[in-house]
Amino acid sequence: METKKYLVIQDHTTDYPEPISFAKGALLTVGERYDGPEGWEDWLFCETPGQKGGWVPAQIIKFVKDKTAISLEDYTARELNARKGEVLIGTKTINGWVWCKSNDSLESGWIPLANLQETYQ
């Protein structure tokens, strides 16, 4: 797993305080495809029993019939709240988002790539 350091160049605060999370093999009901001005491709709104729905990258699901799919890996839609000037460690980039860990705390989550600038410090 390749890690990269990022400088937060724009604040990010989640709009989803109760993110969807599931384990590999979870059964999902797939709804709409995200279509917004940001250019984030291949995000699908999914639901799984006992949770609120959330956005899931299309690459980590396999359709089994119509709107039913299974998860190909563990996943959480948790977003990382970050402030301009923070340094984060990114470990995975997918569909315009980066999974990051805060350098200052144990918190981790997704943040839009557009809010980050790769740094070599």
PDB file of N, CA and C in Angstrom:
ATOM      1  N   MET A   1       0.844  -1.179   0.000  1.00  0.00           N
ATOM      2  CA  MET A   1       0.000   0.000   0.000  1.00  0.00           C
ATOM      3  C   MET A   1       0.891   1.244   0.000  1.00  0.00           C
ATOM      4  N   GLU A   2       0.766   2.057  -1.039  1.00  0.00           N
ATOM      5  CA  GLU A   2       1.546   3.280  -1.151  1.00  0.00           C
ATOM      6  C   GLU A   2       0.845   4.414  -0.411  1.00  0.00           C
ATOM      7  N   THR A   3       1.590   5.113   0.430  1.00  0.00           N
ATOM      8  CA  THR A   3       1.010   6.250   1.137  1.00  0.00           C
ATOM      9  C   THR A   3       1.547   7.544   0.542  1.00  0.00           C
ATOM     10  N   LYS A   4       0.720   8.574   0.620  1.00  0.00           N
ATOM     11  CA  LYS A   4       1.102   9.908   0.153  1.00  0.00           C
ATOM     12  C   LYS A   4       0.738  10.907   1.232  1.00  0.00           C
ATOM     13  N   LYS A   5       1.535  11.976   1.321  1.00  0.00           N
ATOM     14  CA  LYS A   5       1.223  13.066   2.243  1.00  0.00           C
ATOM     15  C   LYS A   5       0.461  14.137   1.481  1.00  0.00           C
ATOM     16  N   TYR A   6      -0.575  14.655   2.141  1.00  0.00           N
ATOM     17  CA  TYR A   6      -1.383  15.710   1.544  1.00  0.00           C
ATOM     18  C   TYR A   6      -1.524  16.880   2.499  1.00  0.00           C
ATOM     19  N   LEU A   7      -1.536  18.073   1.928  1.00  0.00           N
ATOM     20  CA  LEU A   7      -1.848  19.287   2.656  1.00  0.00           C
ATOM     21  C   LEU A   7      -3.298  19.632   2.350  1.00  0.00           C
ATOM     22  N   VAL A   8      -4.096  19.884   3.377  1.00  0.00           N
ATOM     23  CA  VAL A   8      -5.489  20.280   3.171  1.00  0.00           C
ATOM     24  C   VAL A   8      -5.486  21.727   2.700  1.00  0.00           C
ATOM     25  N   ILE A   9      -6.047  21.965   1.500  1.00  0.00           N
ATOM     26  CA  ILE A   9      -6.067  23.321   0.939  1.00  0.00           C
ATOM     27  C   ILE A   9      -7.467  23.940   1.019  1.00  0.00           C
ATOM     28  N   GLN A  10      -8.453  23.119   1.421  1.00  0.00           N
ATOM     29  CA  GLN A  10      -9.816  23.617   1.621  1.00  0.00           C
ATOM     30  C   GLN A  10     -10.474  22.777   2.712  1.00  0.00           C
ATOM     31  N   ASP A  11     -11.112  23.425   3.681  1.00  0.00           N
ATOM     32  CA  ASP A  11     -11.795  22.713   4.765  1.00  0.00           C
ATOM     33  C   ASP A  11     -12.771  21.683   4.210  1.00  0.00           C
ATOM     34  N   HIS A  12     -12.958  20.593   4.952  1.00  0.00           N
ATOM     35  CA  HIS A  12     -13.980  19.599   4.602  1.00  0.00           C
ATOM     36  C   HIS A  12     -14.703  19.165   5.876  1.00  0.00           C
ATOM     37  N   THR A  13     -16.027  19.234   5.831  1.00  0.00           N
ATOM     38  CA  THR A  13     -16.872  18.765   6.932  1.00  0.00           C
ATOM     39  C   THR A  13     -17.925  17.845   6.342  1.00  0.00           C
ATOM     40  N   THR A  14     -18.087  16.686   6.930  1.00  0.00           N
ATOM     41  CA  THR A  14     -19.027  15.701   6.403  1.00  0.00           C
ATOM     42  C   THR A  14     -20.475  16.169   6.513  1.00  0.00           C
ATOM     43  N   ASP A  15     -21.264  15.753   5.542  1.00  0.00           N
ATOM     44  CA  ASP A  15     -22.712  15.957   5.577  1.00  0.00           C
ATOM     45  C   ASP A  15     -23.420  14.673   6.016  1.00  0.00           C
ATOM     46  N   TYR A  16     -22.637  13.621   6.300  1.00  0.00           N
ATOM     47  CA  TYR A  16     -23.195  12.309   6.625  1.00  0.00           C
ATOM     48  C   TYR A  16     -22.625  11.797   7.959  1.00  0.00           C
ATOM     49  N   PRO A  17     -23.221  12.207   9.088  1.00  0.00           N
ATOM     50  CA  PRO A  17     -22.679  11.805  10.392  1.00  0.00           C
ATOM     51  C   PRO A  17     -22.883  10.319  10.722  1.00  0.00           C
ATOM     52  N   GLU A  18     -23.764   9.637   9.986  1.00  0.00           N
ATOM     53  CA  GLU A  18     -23.999   8.200  10.215  1.00  0.00           C
ATOM     54  C   GLU A  18     -23.731   7.446   8.910  1.00  0.00           C
ATOM     55  N   PRO A  19     -22.454   7.243   8.573  1.00  0.00           N
ATOM     56  CA  PRO A  19     -22.113   6.651   7.283  1.00  0.00           C
ATOM     57  C   PRO A  19     -22.434   5.157   7.199  1.00  0.00           C
ATOM     58  N   ILE A  20     -22.736   4.717   5.993  1.00  0.00           N
ATOM     59  CA  ILE A  20     -22.942   3.296   5.753  1.00  0.00           C
ATOM     60  C   ILE A  20     -21.597   2.576   5.916  1.00  0.00           C
ATOM     61  N   SER A  21     -21.616   1.399   6.521  1.00  0.00           N
ATOM     62  CA  SER A  21     -20.425   0.563   6.691  1.00  0.00           C
ATOM     63  C   SER A  21     -20.855  -0.881   6.544  1.00  0.00           C
ATOM     64  N   PHE A  22     -20.010  -1.685   5.913  1.00  0.00           N
ATOM     65  CA  PHE A  22     -20.347  -3.102   5.772  1.00  0.00           C
ATOM     66  C   PHE A  22     -19.098  -3.931   5.528  1.00  0.00           C
ATOM     67  N   ALA A  23     -19.236  -5.227   5.703  1.00  0.00           N
ATOM     68  CA  ALA A  23     -18.142  -6.170   5.512  1.00  0.00           C
ATOM     69  C   ALA A  23     -18.201  -6.784   4.114  1.00  0.00           C
ATOM     70  N   LYS A  24     -17.104  -7.340   3.691  1.00  0.00           N
ATOM     71  CA  LYS A  24     -17.040  -8.066   2.425  1.00  0.00           C
ATOM     72  C   LYS A  24     -18.145  -9.119   2.409  1.00  0.00           C
ATOM     73  N   GLY A  25     -18.861  -9.205   1.287  1.00  0.00           N
ATOM     74  CA  GLY A  25     -19.939 -10.173   1.147  1.00  0.00           C
ATOM     75  C   GLY A  25     -21.303  -9.663   1.548  1.00  0.00           C
ATOM     76  N   ALA A  26     -21.373  -8.430   2.051  1.00  0.00           N
ATOM     77  CA  ALA A  26     -22.663  -7.858   2.474  1.00  0.00           C
ATOM     78  C   ALA A  26     -23.594  -7.717   1.277  1.00  0.00           C
ATOM     79  N   LEU A  27     -24.877  -7.952   1.524  1.00  0.00           N
ATOM     80  CA  LEU A  27     -25.906  -7.782   0.500  1.00  0.00           C
ATOM     81  C   LEU A  27     -26.324  -6.326   0.458  1.00  0.00           C
ATOM     82  N   LEU A  28     -26.346  -5.741  -0.742  1.00  0.00           N
ATOM     83  CA  LEU A  28     -26.656  -4.333  -0.916  1.00  0.00           C
ATOM     84  C   LEU A  28     -27.795  -4.146  -1.908  1.00  0.00           C
ATOM     85  N   THR A  29     -28.632  -3.145  -1.649  1.00  0.00           N
ATOM     86  CA  THR A  29     -29.636  -2.708  -2.612  1.00  0.00           C
ATOM     87  C   THR A  29     -29.088  -1.433  -3.242  1.00  0.00           C
ATOM     88  N   VAL A  30     -28.944  -1.438  -4.557  1.00  0.00           N
ATOM     89  CA  VAL A  30     -28.307  -0.338  -5.269  1.00  0.00           C
ATOM     90  C   VAL A  30     -29.361   0.582  -5.859  1.00  0.00           C
ATOM     91  N   GLY A  31     -29.193   1.876  -5.602  1.00  0.00           N
ATOM     92  CA  GLY A  31     -30.103   2.891  -6.119  1.00  0.00           C
ATOM     93  C   GLY A  31     -29.429   3.737  -7.177  1.00  0.00           C
ATOM     94  N   GLU A  32     -29.573   5.051  -7.033  1.00  0.00           N
ATOM     95  CA  GLU A  32     -29.108   5.984  -8.053  1.00  0.00           C
ATOM     96  C   GLU A  32     -27.589   6.081  -8.147  1.00  0.00           C
ATOM     97  N   ARG A  33     -27.127   6.507  -9.317  1.00  0.00           N
ATOM     98  CA  ARG A  33     -25.719   6.808  -9.570  1.00  0.00           C
ATOM     99  C   ARG A  33     -25.532   8.298  -9.310  1.00  0.00           C
ATOM    100  N   TYR A  34     -24.438   8.667  -8.645  1.00  0.00           N
ATOM    101  CA  TYR A  34     -24.183  10.074  -8.350  1.00  0.00           C
ATOM    102  C   TYR A  34     -23.964  10.841  -9.639  1.00  0.00           C
ATOM    103  N   ASP A  35     -24.596  12.004  -9.734  1.00  0.00           N
ATOM    104  CA  ASP A  35     -24.452  12.850 -10.905  1.00  0.00           C
ATOM    105  C   ASP A  35     -24.400  14.296 -10.422  1.00  0.00           C
ATOM    106  N   GLY A  36     -23.189  14.797 -10.234  1.00  0.00           N
ATOM    107  CA  GLY A  36     -23.043  16.156  -9.738  1.00  0.00           C
ATOM    108  C   GLY A  36     -21.971  16.907 -10.495  1.00  0.00           C
ATOM    109  N   PRO A  37     -21.819  18.183 -10.198  1.00  0.00           N
ATOM    110  CA  PRO A  37     -20.873  19.025 -10.932  1.00  0.00           C
ATOM    111  C   PRO A  37     -19.405  18.740 -10.620  1.00  0.00           C
ATOM    112  N   GLU A  38     -19.127  17.976  -9.565  1.00  0.00           N
ATOM    113  CA  GLU A  38     -17.742  17.742  -9.141  1.00  0.00           C
ATOM    114  C   GLU A  38     -16.972  16.808 -10.060  1.00  0.00           C
ATOM    115  N   GLY A  39     -17.681  15.994 -10.857  1.00  0.00           N
ATOM    116  CA  GLY A  39     -17.015  15.029 -11.721  1.00  0.00           C
ATOM    117  C   GLY A  39     -16.657  13.735 -11.012  1.00  0.00           C
ATOM    118  N   TRP A  40     -17.290  13.494  -9.867  1.00  0.00           N
ATOM    119  CA  TRP A  40     -17.035  12.237  -9.152  1.00  0.00           C
ATOM    120  C   TRP A  40     -17.787  11.132  -9.875  1.00  0.00           C
ATOM    121  N   GLU A  41     -17.076  10.247 -10.531  1.00  0.00           N
ATOM    122  CA  GLU A  41     -17.683   9.175 -11.312  1.00  0.00           C
ATOM    123  C   GLU A  41     -17.824   7.904 -10.470  1.00  0.00           C
ATOM    124  N   ASP A  42     -18.785   7.085 -10.846  1.00  0.00           N
ATOM    125  CA  ASP A  42     -18.931   5.721 -10.326  1.00  0.00           C
ATOM    126  C   ASP A  42     -19.208   5.615  -8.827  1.00  0.00           C
ATOM    127  N   TRP A  43     -20.041   6.509  -8.295  1.00  0.00           N
ATOM    128  CA  TRP A  43     -20.533   6.382  -6.923  1.00  0.00           C
ATOM    129  C   TRP A  43     -22.003   5.994  -7.003  1.00  0.00           C
ATOM    130  N   LEU A  44     -22.379   4.934  -6.275  1.00  0.00           N
ATOM    131  CA  LEU A  44     -23.751   4.433  -6.273  1.00  0.00           C
ATOM    132  C   LEU A  44     -24.328   4.551  -4.871  1.00  0.00           C
ATOM    133  N   PHE A  45     -25.588   4.977  -4.782  1.00  0.00           N
ATOM    134  CA  PHE A  45     -26.247   5.054  -3.475  1.00  0.00           C
ATOM    135  C   PHE A  45     -26.746   3.657  -3.120  1.00  0.00           C
ATOM    136  N   CYS A  46     -26.243   3.111  -2.028  1.00  0.00           N
ATOM    137  CA  CYS A  46     -26.578   1.741  -1.627  1.00  0.00           C
ATOM    138  C   CYS A  46     -27.179   1.717  -0.230  1.00  0.00           C
ATOM    139  N   GLU A  47     -27.978   0.680   0.005  1.00  0.00           N
ATOM    140  CA  GLU A  47     -28.545   0.430   1.326  1.00  0.00           C
ATOM    141  C   GLU A  47     -28.240  -1.000   1.721  1.00  0.00           C
ATOM    142  N   THR A  48     -28.128  -1.214   3.008  1.00  0.00           N
ATOM    143  CA  THR A  48     -27.949  -2.539   3.562  1.00  0.00           C
ATOM    144  C   THR A  48     -28.793  -2.599   4.836  1.00  0.00           C
ATOM    145  N   PRO A  49     -29.329  -3.753   5.195  1.00  0.00           N
ATOM    146  CA  PRO A  49     -30.245  -3.835   6.344  1.00  0.00           C
ATOM    147  C   PRO A  49     -29.681  -3.219   7.631  1.00  0.00           C
ATOM    148  N   GLY A  50     -30.533  -2.446   8.308  1.00  0.00           N
ATOM    149  CA  GLY A  50     -30.197  -1.886   9.610  1.00  0.00           C
ATOM    150  C   GLY A  50     -29.393  -0.596   9.582  1.00  0.00           C
ATOM    151  N   GLN A  51     -29.169  -0.023   8.394  1.00  0.00           N
ATOM    152  CA  GLN A  51     -28.381   1.206   8.293  1.00  0.00           C
ATOM    153  C   GLN A  51     -29.037   2.196   7.348  1.00  0.00           C
ATOM    154  N   LYS A  52     -28.638   3.447   7.505  1.00  0.00           N
ATOM    155  CA  LYS A  52     -29.027   4.454   6.525  1.00  0.00           C
ATOM    156  C   LYS A  52     -28.208   4.186   5.269  1.00  0.00           C
ATOM    157  N   GLY A  53     -28.740   4.578   4.122  1.00  0.00           N
ATOM    158  CA  GLY A  53     -28.012   4.395   2.877  1.00  0.00           C
ATOM    159  C   GLY A  53     -26.816   5.324   2.778  1.00  0.00           C
ATOM    160  N   GLY A  54     -25.952   5.053   1.798  1.00  0.00           N
ATOM    161  CA  GLY A  54     -24.783   5.888   1.602  1.00  0.00           C
ATOM    162  C   GLY A  54     -24.137   5.634   0.255  1.00  0.00           C
ATOM    163  N   TRP A  55     -23.159   6.466  -0.069  1.00  0.00           N
ATOM    164  CA  TRP A  55     -22.476   6.383  -1.357  1.00  0.00           C
ATOM    165  C   TRP A  55     -21.341   5.370  -1.309  1.00  0.00           C
ATOM    166  N   VAL A  56     -21.306   4.513  -2.337  1.00  0.00           N
ATOM    167  CA  VAL A  56     -20.363   3.402  -2.401  1.00  0.00           C
ATOM    168  C   VAL A  56     -19.710   3.410  -3.787  1.00  0.00           C
ATOM    169  N   PRO A  57     -18.390   3.215  -3.862  1.00  0.00           N
ATOM    170  CA  PRO A  57     -17.747   3.158  -5.176  1.00  0.00           C
ATOM    171  C   PRO A  57     -18.199   1.915  -5.953  1.00  0.00           C
ATOM    172  N   ALA A  58     -18.548   2.110  -7.211  1.00  0.00           N
ATOM    173  CA  ALA A  58     -19.039   1.007  -8.042  1.00  0.00           C
ATOM    174  C   ALA A  58     -18.011  -0.121  -8.150  1.00  0.00           C
ATOM    175  N   GLN A  59     -16.727   0.198  -8.051  1.00  0.00           N
ATOM    176  CA  GLN A  59     -15.671  -0.796  -8.212  1.00  0.00           C
ATOM    177  C   GLN A  59     -15.649  -1.859  -7.111  1.00  0.00           C
ATOM    178  N   ILE A  60     -16.296  -1.597  -5.980  1.00  0.00           N
ATOM    179  CA  ILE A  60     -16.213  -2.563  -4.874  1.00  0.00           C
ATOM    180  C   ILE A  60     -17.489  -3.387  -4.717  1.00  0.00           C
ATOM    181  N   ILE A  61     -18.383  -3.332  -5.705  1.00  0.00           N
ATOM    182  CA  ILE A  61     -19.586  -4.153  -5.627  1.00  0.00           C
ATOM    183  C   ILE A  61     -19.726  -4.997  -6.887  1.00  0.00           C
ATOM    184  N   LYS A  62     -20.450  -6.097  -6.733  1.00  0.00           N
ATOM    185  CA  LYS A  62     -20.745  -6.983  -7.862  1.00  0.00           C
ATOM    186  C   LYS A  62     -22.248  -7.195  -7.899  1.00  0.00           C
ATOM    187  N   PHE A  63     -22.846  -6.835  -9.028  1.00  0.00           N
ATOM    188  CA  PHE A  63     -24.284  -7.031  -9.173  1.00  0.00           C
ATOM    189  C   PHE A  63     -24.591  -8.526  -9.287  1.00  0.00           C
ATOM    190  N   VAL A  64     -25.641  -8.963  -8.567  1.00  0.00           N
ATOM    191  CA  VAL A  64     -26.072 -10.356  -8.666  1.00  0.00           C
ATOM    192  C   VAL A  64     -27.402 -10.466  -9.401  1.00  0.00           C
ATOM    193  N   LYS A  65     -28.213  -9.418  -9.332  1.00  0.00           N
ATOM    194  CA  LYS A  65     -29.430  -9.318 -10.143  1.00  0.00           C
ATOM    195  C   LYS A  65     -30.013  -7.924  -9.980  1.00  0.00           C
ATOM    196  N   ASP A  66     -30.580  -7.395 -11.049  1.00  0.00           N
ATOM    197  CA  ASP A  66     -31.207  -6.078 -11.068  1.00  0.00           C
ATOM    198  C   ASP A  66     -30.508  -5.073 -10.150  1.00  0.00           C
ATOM    199  N   LYS A  67     -31.138  -4.720  -9.043  1.00  0.00           N
ATOM    200  CA  LYS A  67     -30.600  -3.707  -8.125  1.00  0.00           C
ATOM    201  C   LYS A  67     -29.973  -4.329  -6.879  1.00  0.00           C
ATOM    202  N   THR A  68     -29.647  -5.606  -6.926  1.00  0.00           N
ATOM    203  CA  THR A  68     -29.042  -6.309  -5.799  1.00  0.00           C
ATOM    204  C   THR A  68     -27.575  -6.605  -6.104  1.00  0.00           C
ATOM    205  N   ALA A  69     -26.719  -6.326  -5.120  1.00  0.00           N
ATOM    206  CA  ALA A  69     -25.282  -6.539  -5.301  1.00  0.00           C
ATOM    207  C   ALA A  69     -24.682  -7.077  -4.005  1.00  0.00           C
ATOM    208  N   ILE A  70     -23.444  -7.569  -4.109  1.00  0.00           N
ATOM    209  CA  ILE A  70     -22.684  -7.957  -2.919  1.00  0.00           C
ATOM    210  C   ILE A  70     -21.397  -7.144  -2.891  1.00  0.00           C
ATOM    211  N   SER A  71     -20.903  -6.922  -1.690  1.00  0.00           N
ATOM    212  CA  SER A  71     -19.681  -6.163  -1.505  1.00  0.00           C
ATOM    213  C   SER A  71     -18.465  -7.054  -1.751  1.00  0.00           C
ATOM    214  N   LEU A  72     -17.490  -6.525  -2.480  1.00  0.00           N
ATOM    215  CA  LEU A  72     -16.263  -7.261  -2.753  1.00  0.00           C
ATOM    216  C   LEU A  72     -15.187  -7.010  -1.705  1.00  0.00           C
ATOM    217  N   GLU A  73     -15.439  -6.061  -0.795  1.00  0.00           N
ATOM    218  CA  GLU A  73     -14.490  -5.754   0.279  1.00  0.00           C
ATOM    219  C   GLU A  73     -15.191  -5.019   1.408  1.00  0.00           C
ATOM    220  N   ASP A  74     -14.529  -4.949   2.559  1.00  0.00           N
ATOM    221  CA  ASP A  74     -15.034  -4.153   3.673  1.00  0.00           C
ATOM    222  C   ASP A  74     -15.035  -2.688   3.230  1.00  0.00           C
ATOM    223  N   TYR A  75     -16.017  -1.925   3.730  1.00  0.00           N
ATOM    224  CA  TYR A  75     -16.118  -0.520   3.328  1.00  0.00           C
ATOM    225  C   TYR A  75     -16.849   0.297   4.371  1.00  0.00           C
ATOM    226  N   THR A  76     -16.430   1.547   4.509  1.00  0.00           N
ATOM    227  CA  THR A  76     -17.175   2.538   5.264  1.00  0.00           C
ATOM    228  C   THR A  76     -17.156   3.844   4.477  1.00  0.00           C
ATOM    229  N   ALA A  77     -18.254   4.557   4.505  1.00  0.00           N
ATOM    230  CA  ALA A  77     -18.362   5.856   3.826  1.00  0.00           C
ATOM    231  C   ALA A  77     -17.981   7.001   4.763  1.00  0.00           C
ATOM    232  N   ARG A  78     -17.359   6.693   5.896  1.00  0.00           N
ATOM    233  CA  ARG A  78     -16.978   7.725   6.865  1.00  0.00           C
ATOM    234  C   ARG A  78     -16.082   8.769   6.200  1.00  0.00           C
ATOM    235  N   GLU A  79     -16.421  10.027   6.394  1.00  0.00           N
ATOM    236  CA  GLU A  79     -15.618  11.129   5.874  1.00  0.00           C
ATOM    237  C   GLU A  79     -14.787  11.726   7.004  1.00  0.00           C
ATOM    238  N   LEU A  80     -13.661  12.267   6.641  1.00  0.00           N
ATOM    239  CA  LEU A  80     -12.758  12.879   7.609  1.00  0.00           C
ATOM    240  C   LEU A  80     -12.964  14.390   7.594  1.00  0.00           C
ATOM    241  N   ASN A  81     -13.311  14.955   8.733  1.00  0.00           N
ATOM    242  CA  ASN A  81     -13.382  16.412   8.856  1.00  0.00           C
ATOM    243  C   ASN A  81     -11.958  16.930   8.940  1.00  0.00           C
ATOM    244  N   ALA A  82     -11.633  17.909   8.104  1.00  0.00           N
ATOM    245  CA  ALA A  82     -10.270  18.433   8.076  1.00  0.00           C
ATOM    246  C   ALA A  82     -10.284  19.935   7.836  1.00  0.00           C
ATOM    247  N   ARG A  83      -9.284  20.609   8.352  1.00  0.00           N
ATOM    248  CA  ARG A  83      -9.154  22.063   8.233  1.00  0.00           C
ATOM    249  C   ARG A  83      -7.943  22.420   7.369  1.00  0.00           C
ATOM    250  N   LYS A  84      -8.077  23.512   6.658  1.00  0.00           N
ATOM    251  CA  LYS A  84      -6.997  24.014   5.811  1.00  0.00           C
ATOM    252  C   LYS A  84      -5.710  24.109   6.627  1.00  0.00           C
ATOM    253  N   GLY A  85      -4.620  23.602   6.045  1.00  0.00           N
ATOM    254  CA  GLY A  85      -3.323  23.636   6.718  1.00  0.00           C
ATOM    255  C   GLY A  85      -2.928  22.327   7.373  1.00  0.00           C
ATOM    256  N   GLU A  86      -3.895  21.431   7.614  1.00  0.00           N
ATOM    257  CA  GLU A  86      -3.573  20.129   8.203  1.00  0.00           C
ATOM    258  C   GLU A  86      -2.794  19.281   7.207  1.00  0.00           C
ATOM    259  N   VAL A  87      -1.981  18.372   7.714  1.00  0.00           N
ATOM    260  CA  VAL A  87      -1.279  17.399   6.881  1.00  0.00           C
ATOM    261  C   VAL A  87      -1.910  16.034   7.146  1.00  0.00           C
ATOM    262  N   LEU A  88      -2.270  15.338   6.063  1.00  0.00           N
ATOM    263  CA  LEU A  88      -2.920  14.037   6.148  1.00  0.00           C
ATOM    264  C   LEU A  88      -2.090  12.992   5.410  1.00  0.00           C
ATOM    265  N   ILE A  89      -2.272  11.746   5.802  1.00  0.00           N
ATOM    266  CA  ILE A  89      -1.634  10.627   5.114  1.00  0.00           C
ATOM    267  C   ILE A  89      -2.717   9.888   4.338  1.00  0.00           C
ATOM    268  N   GLY A  90      -2.582   9.833   3.015  1.00  0.00           N
ATOM    269  CA  GLY A  90      -3.548   9.167   2.154  1.00  0.00           C
ATOM    270  C   GLY A  90      -3.075   7.779   1.773  1.00  0.00           C
ATOM    271  N   THR A  91      -3.997   6.807   1.806  1.00  0.00           N
ATOM    272  CA  THR A  91      -3.620   5.423   1.497  1.00  0.00           C
ATOM    273  C   THR A  91      -4.383   4.822   0.323  1.00  0.00           C
ATOM    274  N   LYS A  92      -5.485   5.446  -0.084  1.00  0.00           N
ATOM    275  CA  LYS A  92      -6.270   4.894  -1.185  1.00  0.00           C
ATOM    276  C   LYS A  92      -7.014   6.037  -1.872  1.00  0.00           C
ATOM    277  N   THR A  93      -6.957   6.073  -3.200  1.00  0.00           N
ATOM    278  CA  THR A  93      -7.673   7.076  -3.974  1.00  0.00           C
ATOM    279  C   THR A  93      -8.651   6.359  -4.890  1.00  0.00           C
ATOM    280  N   ILE A  94      -9.904   6.822  -4.861  1.00  0.00           N
ATOM    281  CA  ILE A  94     -10.913   6.218  -5.725  1.00  0.00           C
ATOM    282  C   ILE A  94     -11.983   7.249  -6.071  1.00  0.00           C
ATOM    283  N   ASN A  95     -12.260   7.381  -7.336  1.00  0.00           N
ATOM    284  CA  ASN A  95     -13.361   8.212  -7.835  1.00  0.00           C
ATOM    285  C   ASN A  95     -13.368   9.636  -7.278  1.00  0.00           C
ATOM    286  N   GLY A  96     -12.180  10.260  -7.197  1.00  0.00           N
ATOM    287  CA  GLY A  96     -12.098  11.648  -6.754  1.00  0.00           C
ATOM    288  C   GLY A  96     -12.044  11.857  -5.251  1.00  0.00           C
ATOM    289  N   TRP A  97     -11.905  10.773  -4.480  1.00  0.00           N
ATOM    290  CA  TRP A  97     -11.811  10.846  -3.025  1.00  0.00           C
ATOM    291  C   TRP A  97     -10.575  10.083  -2.559  1.00  0.00           C
ATOM    292  N   VAL A  98     -10.031  10.494  -1.402  1.00  0.00           N
ATOM    293  CA  VAL A  98      -8.842   9.849  -0.848  1.00  0.00           C
ATOM    294  C   VAL A  98      -9.147   9.406   0.591  1.00  0.00           C
ATOM    295  N   TRP A  99      -8.777   8.158   0.918  1.00  0.00           N
ATOM    296  CA  TRP A  99      -8.881   7.676   2.305  1.00  0.00           C
ATOM    297  C   TRP A  99      -7.658   8.201   3.032  1.00  0.00           C
ATOM    298  N   CYS A 100      -7.875   9.010   4.059  1.00  0.00           N
ATOM    299  CA  CYS A 100      -6.777   9.673   4.771  1.00  0.00           C
ATOM    300  C   CYS A 100      -6.837   9.421   6.266  1.00  0.00           C
ATOM    301  N   LYS A 101      -5.665   9.512   6.870  1.00  0.00           N
ATOM    302  CA  LYS A 101      -5.522   9.468   8.321  1.00  0.00           C
ATOM    303  C   LYS A 101      -4.929  10.799   8.739  1.00  0.00           C
ATOM    304  N   SER A 102      -5.470  11.341   9.810  1.00  0.00           N
ATOM    305  CA  SER A 102      -4.950  12.587  10.342  1.00  0.00           C
ATOM    306  C   SER A 102      -3.568  12.366  10.936  1.00  0.00           C
ATOM    307  N   ASN A 103      -2.670  13.277  10.697  1.00  0.00           N
ATOM    308  CA  ASN A 103      -1.331  13.217  11.275  1.00  0.00           C
ATOM    309  C   ASN A 103      -1.359  13.544  12.763  1.00  0.00           C
ATOM    310  N   ASP A 104      -2.423  14.255  13.195  1.00  0.00           N
ATOM    311  CA  ASP A 104      -2.515  14.743  14.566  1.00  0.00           C
ATOM    312  C   ASP A 104      -3.408  13.905  15.477  1.00  0.00           C
ATOM    313  N   SER A 105      -4.164  12.972  14.904  1.00  0.00           N
ATOM    314  CA  SER A 105      -5.078  12.168  15.724  1.00  0.00           C
ATOM    315  C   SER A 105      -5.191  10.771  15.129  1.00  0.00           C
ATOM    316  N   LEU A 106      -6.034   9.965  15.706  1.00  0.00           N
ATOM    317  CA  LEU A 106      -6.244   8.614  15.199  1.00  0.00           C
ATOM    318  C   LEU A 106      -7.397   8.538  14.210  1.00  0.00           C
ATOM    319  N   GLU A 107      -8.003   9.679  13.885  1.00  0.00           N
ATOM    320  CA  GLU A 107      -9.169   9.693  12.999  1.00  0.00           C
ATOM    321  C   GLU A 107      -8.764   9.440  11.552  1.00  0.00           C
ATOM    322  N   SER A 108      -9.682   8.763  10.834  1.00  0.00           N
ATOM    323  CA  SER A 108      -9.456   8.512   9.415  1.00  0.00           C
ATOM    324  C   SER A 108     -10.793   8.551   8.684  1.00  0.00           C
ATOM    325  N   GLY A 109     -10.733   8.762   7.376  1.00  0.00           N
ATOM    326  CA  GLY A 109     -11.946   8.794   6.573  1.00  0.00           C
ATOM    327  C   GLY A 109     -11.668   9.358   5.193  1.00  0.00           C
ATOM    328  N   TRP A 110     -12.723   9.460   4.407  1.00  0.00           N
ATOM    329  CA  TRP A 110     -12.638   9.958   3.037  1.00  0.00           C
ATOM    330  C   TRP A 110     -12.656  11.485   3.015  1.00  0.00           C
ATOM    331  N   ILE A 111     -11.915  12.061   2.071  1.00  0.00           N
ATOM    332  CA  ILE A 111     -11.918  13.497   1.840  1.00  0.00           C
ATOM    333  C   ILE A 111     -11.764  13.715   0.331  1.00  0.00           C
ATOM    334  N   PRO A 112     -12.451  14.707  -0.235  1.00  0.00           N
ATOM    335  CA  PRO A 112     -12.329  14.933  -1.676  1.00  0.00           C
ATOM    336  C   PRO A 112     -10.890  15.290  -2.074  1.00  0.00           C
ATOM    337  N   LEU A 113     -10.425  14.689  -3.143  1.00  0.00           N
ATOM    338  CA  LEU A 113      -9.083  14.959  -3.653  1.00  0.00           C
ATOM    339  C   LEU A 113      -8.918  16.446  -3.986  1.00  0.00           C
ATOM    340  N   ALA A 114      -9.972  17.093  -4.422  1.00  0.00           N
ATOM    341  CA  ALA A 114      -9.925  18.524  -4.770  1.00  0.00           C
ATOM    342  C   ALA A 114      -9.598  19.400  -3.560  1.00  0.00           C
ATOM    343  N   ASN A 115      -9.783  18.881  -2.344  1.00  0.00           N
ATOM    344  CA  ASN A 115      -9.489  19.628  -1.119  1.00  0.00           C
ATOM    345  C   ASN A 115      -8.046  19.438  -0.656  1.00  0.00           C
ATOM    346  N   LEU A 116      -7.282  18.657  -1.428  1.00  0.00           N
ATOM    347  CA  LEU A 116      -5.932  18.278  -1.020  1.00  0.00           C
ATOM    348  C   LEU A 116      -4.895  18.661  -2.065  1.00  0.00           C
ATOM    349  N   GLN A 117      -3.668  18.825  -1.580  1.00  0.00           N
ATOM    350  CA  GLN A 117      -2.537  19.029  -2.468  1.00  0.00           C
ATOM    351  C   GLN A 117      -1.436  18.085  -1.991  1.00  0.00           C
ATOM    352  N   GLU A 118      -0.934  17.238  -2.906  1.00  0.00           N
ATOM    353  CA  GLU A 118       0.127  16.313  -2.530  1.00  0.00           C
ATOM    354  C   GLU A 118       1.349  17.108  -2.111  1.00  0.00           C
ATOM    355  N   THR A 119       1.992  16.680  -1.031  1.00  0.00           N
ATOM    356  CA  THR A 119       3.166  17.359  -0.512  1.00  0.00           C
ATOM    357  C   THR A 119       4.282  16.340  -0.312  1.00  0.00           C
ATOM    358  N   TYR A 120       5.492  16.801  -0.318  1.00  0.00           N
ATOM    359  CA  TYR A 120       6.642  15.898  -0.167  1.00  0.00           C
ATOM    360  C   TYR A 120       7.440  16.230   1.083  1.00  0.00           C
ATOM    361  N   GLN A 121       6.807  16.895   2.037  1.00  0.00           N
ATOM    362  CA  GLN A 121       7.466  17.270   3.300  1.00  0.00           C
ATOM    363  C   GLN A 121       7.806  16.055   4.109  1.00  0.00           C
TER     364      GLN A 121
END
